[in-house]
């Protein structure tokens, strides 16, 4: 099944993931690098827009907590 919302969310999360990956690689920041890779990969394994949003929020909160803890 083709869902335009899932396609748009996949494109957005992939773009955010790419930016985080490049930033993390250039700055030597592991949390951003790992989160960027996760943001780029997880849309391949998620089928609905709701689960894609939930996983994206969980990854974002995890990144925020890692940075806040000083990683």
N, C-alpha and C. Protein backbone atom coordinates (compact mmCIF):
# COMPACT_ATOMS: atom_id res chain seq x y z
N UNK A 1 0.84 -1.18 0.00
CA UNK A 1 0.00 0.00 0.00
C UNK A 1 0.88 1.24 0.00
N UNK A 2 0.44 2.25 -0.74
CA UNK A 2 1.19 3.49 -0.85
C UNK A 2 0.50 4.56 -0.01
N UNK A 3 1.21 5.09 0.95
CA UNK A 3 0.67 6.14 1.82
C UNK A 3 1.56 7.37 1.68
N UNK A 4 1.02 8.48 1.15
CA UNK A 4 1.83 9.68 0.97
C UNK A 4 2.36 10.25 2.28
N UNK A 5 1.64 10.09 3.37
CA UNK A 5 2.10 10.60 4.66
C UNK A 5 3.36 9.88 5.10
N UNK A 6 3.40 8.58 4.92
CA UNK A 6 4.58 7.80 5.29
C UNK A 6 5.76 8.20 4.41
N UNK A 7 5.52 8.43 3.14
CA UNK A 7 6.58 8.84 2.22
C UNK A 7 7.15 10.20 2.63
N UNK A 8 6.29 11.14 2.96
CA UNK A 8 6.74 12.47 3.37
C UNK A 8 7.50 12.41 4.70
N UNK A 9 7.00 11.66 5.65
CA UNK A 9 7.69 11.51 6.93
C UNK A 9 9.04 10.81 6.77
N UNK A 10 9.11 9.83 5.87
CA UNK A 10 10.38 9.16 5.61
C UNK A 10 11.40 10.12 5.04
N UNK A 11 10.95 10.97 4.14
CA UNK A 11 11.84 11.96 3.55
C UNK A 11 12.32 12.96 4.59
N UNK A 12 11.43 13.41 5.46
CA UNK A 12 11.79 14.37 6.49
C UNK A 12 12.75 13.77 7.51
N UNK A 13 12.46 12.57 7.99
CA UNK A 13 13.34 11.96 8.98
C UNK A 13 14.69 11.58 8.37
N UNK A 14 14.69 11.18 7.12
CA UNK A 14 15.95 10.89 6.45
C UNK A 14 16.81 12.14 6.30
N UNK A 15 16.18 13.27 6.01
CA UNK A 15 16.90 14.53 5.90
C UNK A 15 17.48 14.97 7.23
N UNK A 16 16.68 14.88 8.28
CA UNK A 16 17.16 15.21 9.62
C UNK A 16 18.29 14.27 10.02
N UNK A 17 18.13 13.00 9.72
CA UNK A 17 19.16 12.03 10.03
C UNK A 17 20.46 12.30 9.30
N UNK A 18 20.37 12.69 8.03
CA UNK A 18 21.58 13.00 7.27
C UNK A 18 22.31 14.20 7.85
N UNK A 19 21.57 15.24 8.22
CA UNK A 19 22.18 16.42 8.81
C UNK A 19 22.85 16.07 10.14
N UNK A 20 22.17 15.30 10.97
CA UNK A 20 22.76 14.89 12.25
C UNK A 20 24.00 14.02 12.04
N UNK A 21 23.95 13.13 11.07
CA UNK A 21 25.08 12.25 10.80
C UNK A 21 26.30 13.06 10.35
N UNK A 22 26.11 14.00 9.44
CA UNK A 22 27.22 14.81 8.96
C UNK A 22 27.76 15.69 10.09
N UNK A 23 26.87 16.30 10.87
CA UNK A 23 27.31 17.13 11.99
C UNK A 23 28.09 16.30 13.01
N UNK A 24 27.57 15.14 13.36
CA UNK A 24 28.24 14.29 14.33
C UNK A 24 29.59 13.81 13.84
N UNK A 25 29.69 13.53 12.55
CA UNK A 25 30.96 13.07 12.00
C UNK A 25 31.99 14.20 11.98
N UNK A 26 31.59 15.39 11.57
CA UNK A 26 32.53 16.51 11.50
C UNK A 26 32.98 16.98 12.87
N UNK A 27 32.07 16.99 13.83
CA UNK A 27 32.39 17.50 15.16
C UNK A 27 32.91 16.41 16.10
N UNK A 28 32.85 15.17 15.67
CA UNK A 28 33.27 14.07 16.52
C UNK A 28 32.33 13.84 17.69
N UNK A 29 31.05 14.08 17.46
CA UNK A 29 30.03 13.93 18.50
C UNK A 29 29.27 12.64 18.25
N UNK A 30 29.48 11.64 19.10
CA UNK A 30 28.87 10.32 18.92
C UNK A 30 27.36 10.31 19.06
N UNK A 31 26.76 11.04 20.00
CA UNK A 31 25.28 10.97 20.09
C UNK A 31 24.58 11.44 18.82
N UNK A 32 25.06 12.52 18.23
CA UNK A 32 24.46 13.02 17.00
C UNK A 32 24.69 12.05 15.84
N UNK A 33 25.88 11.46 15.79
CA UNK A 33 26.19 10.53 14.73
C UNK A 33 25.29 9.29 14.80
N UNK A 34 25.15 8.74 15.99
CA UNK A 34 24.32 7.53 16.16
C UNK A 34 22.84 7.85 15.92
N UNK A 35 22.39 8.99 16.45
CA UNK A 35 20.99 9.37 16.24
C UNK A 35 20.71 9.64 14.77
N UNK A 36 21.65 10.27 14.08
CA UNK A 36 21.48 10.50 12.65
C UNK A 36 21.37 9.22 11.86
N UNK A 37 22.20 8.26 12.20
CA UNK A 37 22.13 6.96 11.54
C UNK A 37 20.79 6.27 11.83
N UNK A 38 20.36 6.36 13.08
CA UNK A 38 19.07 5.74 13.45
C UNK A 38 17.91 6.42 12.72
N UNK A 39 17.95 7.77 12.63
CA UNK A 39 16.90 8.48 11.91
C UNK A 39 16.87 8.12 10.43
N UNK A 40 18.01 7.82 9.86
CA UNK A 40 18.04 7.47 8.44
C UNK A 40 17.58 6.04 8.18
N UNK A 41 17.76 5.15 9.16
CA UNK A 41 17.49 3.73 8.94
C UNK A 41 16.08 3.31 9.35
N UNK A 42 15.56 3.87 10.45
CA UNK A 42 14.32 3.32 10.98
C UNK A 42 13.10 3.45 10.06
N UNK A 43 13.00 4.42 9.15
CA UNK A 43 11.81 4.43 8.28
C UNK A 43 11.67 3.21 7.39
N UNK A 44 12.75 2.48 7.17
CA UNK A 44 12.66 1.26 6.37
C UNK A 44 11.91 0.15 7.09
N UNK A 45 11.85 0.23 8.40
CA UNK A 45 11.25 -0.85 9.18
C UNK A 45 9.88 -0.50 9.77
N UNK A 46 9.40 0.71 9.53
CA UNK A 46 8.14 1.18 10.10
C UNK A 46 7.13 1.30 8.97
N UNK A 47 5.90 0.86 9.23
CA UNK A 47 4.90 0.82 8.17
C UNK A 47 3.86 1.93 8.23
N UNK A 48 3.56 2.45 9.40
CA UNK A 48 2.50 3.45 9.51
C UNK A 48 3.07 4.80 9.95
N UNK A 49 2.31 5.84 9.66
CA UNK A 49 2.75 7.19 10.00
C UNK A 49 2.79 7.40 11.51
N UNK A 50 1.84 6.84 12.22
CA UNK A 50 1.79 7.01 13.68
C UNK A 50 3.00 6.39 14.35
N UNK A 51 3.35 5.17 13.97
CA UNK A 51 4.52 4.56 14.57
C UNK A 51 5.81 5.27 14.17
N UNK A 52 5.83 5.83 12.96
CA UNK A 52 7.00 6.59 12.53
C UNK A 52 7.17 7.85 13.38
N UNK A 53 6.08 8.51 13.71
CA UNK A 53 6.14 9.70 14.56
C UNK A 53 6.57 9.32 15.97
N UNK A 54 6.02 8.24 16.49
CA UNK A 54 6.37 7.81 17.85
C UNK A 54 7.85 7.45 17.95
N UNK A 55 8.35 6.69 16.99
CA UNK A 55 9.77 6.31 17.02
C UNK A 55 10.65 7.54 16.85
N UNK A 56 10.26 8.48 16.00
CA UNK A 56 11.03 9.71 15.82
C UNK A 56 11.09 10.54 17.09
N UNK A 57 9.98 10.64 17.80
CA UNK A 57 9.97 11.38 19.06
C UNK A 57 10.84 10.69 20.10
N UNK A 58 10.76 9.36 20.17
CA UNK A 58 11.59 8.62 21.13
C UNK A 58 13.07 8.81 20.82
N UNK A 59 13.45 8.77 19.56
CA UNK A 59 14.84 9.01 19.19
C UNK A 59 15.27 10.43 19.53
N UNK A 60 14.41 11.39 19.28
CA UNK A 60 14.73 12.78 19.61
C UNK A 60 14.89 13.01 21.10
N UNK A 61 14.03 12.42 21.89
CA UNK A 61 14.14 12.54 23.35
C UNK A 61 15.40 11.84 23.83
N UNK A 62 15.71 10.70 23.26
CA UNK A 62 16.95 10.00 23.63
C UNK A 62 18.18 10.83 23.30
N UNK A 63 18.19 11.47 22.15
CA UNK A 63 19.32 12.35 21.78
C UNK A 63 19.40 13.53 22.73
N UNK A 64 18.28 14.12 23.04
CA UNK A 64 18.27 15.27 23.95
C UNK A 64 18.79 14.88 25.33
N UNK A 65 18.36 13.72 25.83
CA UNK A 65 18.84 13.26 27.14
C UNK A 65 20.34 12.95 27.11
N UNK A 66 20.82 12.37 26.02
CA UNK A 66 22.26 12.07 25.92
C UNK A 66 23.08 13.35 25.92
N UNK A 67 22.62 14.36 25.20
CA UNK A 67 23.35 15.63 25.17
C UNK A 67 23.27 16.32 26.52
N UNK A 68 22.12 16.25 27.14
CA UNK A 68 21.93 16.89 28.45
C UNK A 68 22.82 16.25 29.52
N UNK A 69 23.08 14.95 29.40
CA UNK A 69 23.92 14.25 30.36
C UNK A 69 25.40 14.46 30.09
N UNK A 70 25.72 15.16 29.03
CA UNK A 70 27.11 15.50 28.76
C UNK A 70 27.85 14.59 27.80
N UNK A 71 27.16 13.80 27.03
CA UNK A 71 27.80 12.93 26.07
C UNK A 71 28.31 13.73 24.97
